[in-house]
């Protein structure tokens, strides 16, 4: 029999006068891997925290007796002043709870009066706690964490190295290793954006780890490919409610599309039934107000009204869509950029970024650059753009090639300007009304358009950078992590715009779903060598495993 680990019934959560979650009902069972999705600001992390911390305003969140929880937080508290060894030695929350409970029982056992009561049950619990601590590695946290670190490719650094010297991606791996140790005794794991700052190889390792994990998981993530690989159920947070769906993310999308196609008809059908039954009830009352069947009709109408309310609650909340259309200037020749014998290295790095490489970008190419953190993917984009010079070799830009560049840190933006001023600077020929209209199509409110870019969120700055790209003349797009900070709806819009873009595209991205949608070639950068694979990301993965490309109607299992 499958264990019921967490039961959530009628839960509401608000911050002051603002409702965030209303009437949440959910059952978490052993083996569930539940992905929590929704647009930015929908309340996904609030739902995760409310469940894990039992901080609801109304309703019940019941944990099965004795279950143990683990938390992998979005904000990973790495101390940059500590060493790798010191970070790995920090015990996780689950170990602290176990050790505190064991210490409490040991203190009781030291008192002779303890043995006058029901001491056998307590001793049995003590043995179970000791076993759980041993199985989860609580007595050897650092050793297990080091082994995990080796699997993540960070064992090359000395253990006394300061954390401050690690890259952002390496710090994320270190935090991940520390949080994943000792999960053998855990029943439910809560994960908030676990793939943030991880390269593809580390993300794939994490996916395999989570699939093998025996307990239940609740996962907030924007990584659609990750949700496909890991999750058995999806919960969509929308319109203050949480809607459960069976299957992974792809199956959720298919089910949701099918439901939305029929939802309007279902609402109309119930409305007509209510109108017809209400009319019949009025006639019955006029004919004989003492008719015993009147009460049954009234209850029938009440049931249908509840059904109508439930159906209307499932209508997705209407949000202003991101409107994005990228047009290429038709000036480029068939050969867009060529690199011959290109080499590039930096002092202090063990390996070159490029080692005598010949690369060709032709009109219509849509290239995704992949490789581990620190391999030089962003540097390769900068070489193509001309921002970084080759140490040796030649870069040849074809006549008529106009490059548009999207930086992952939005370096093309002036953070001292507001969105209106940024667009005015780019297009002084635009009238103020035209600029406001353009920003409105990119989901900016009247307050946001006069707020300095330095004070906007990462997602808002990303939308300004995309609008800037839209207003420039280009026929070759270089995009460095363009889906970072975008919610799922905006990612879908960007993908559609890039699919319809008639120019060439080169993108660095950890977003495998995005790469599957928009590229027709993969460049794998490893130790200064670029290996070319034809097709999208899934085709690349299959080719690495010696498998043929998928047919049009086939669904990938890799």
Foldseek 3Di string as FASTA:
>chain_A
DWAFFKWWAQFWAADVPGTQAGGETDIFIWPAAEEEAEAPSNCRVVVLCCQVVVVTPDTDIDGDPPAAEAEAEPDQDDDQQAFLLVLQPDAGPRLVVLVVLLVVLVVLVVDPVSVVDPNVVSVVVSVVSVVLCVQQCVVPRSVQLQVQVVVLVNVVDDRRHGNNPDDQLSNLSSSVSSRPGRCLRHAEYEEEASCPSHAQVVLVVVLVVQSPRRHYYYYYHLQQVSQQSHGQKYWYRFLNYTRIDGGGNVVVVVVLVVCLVCLVVVLVVLVVVLVVLVVVLVVCCVVPVPPPCSVVSVVVSVVSVVVNVVSVSSPGDDDQAQADAAEADPFFDQWFKWWAQFWAADPPDPFTLAGGDTDTDGWPAEEEEGEGPPSCPVVVLCCQVVVDDTPDTDMDGTPRAFEQEADLVLVVFDQQAALLVRVCVLPVVDDSVRSVVNVVSLVDDPVRRRDGNVPDDSLSSLSSSSSSSRPDHGQEYEYEASCPPGGNSVLVNVLVNLQPYRGYYYYYHSNQVSQQRHGQKYWYRDRNDTDIDGGGPLCVVCVVVVHHDDDPPDDDND
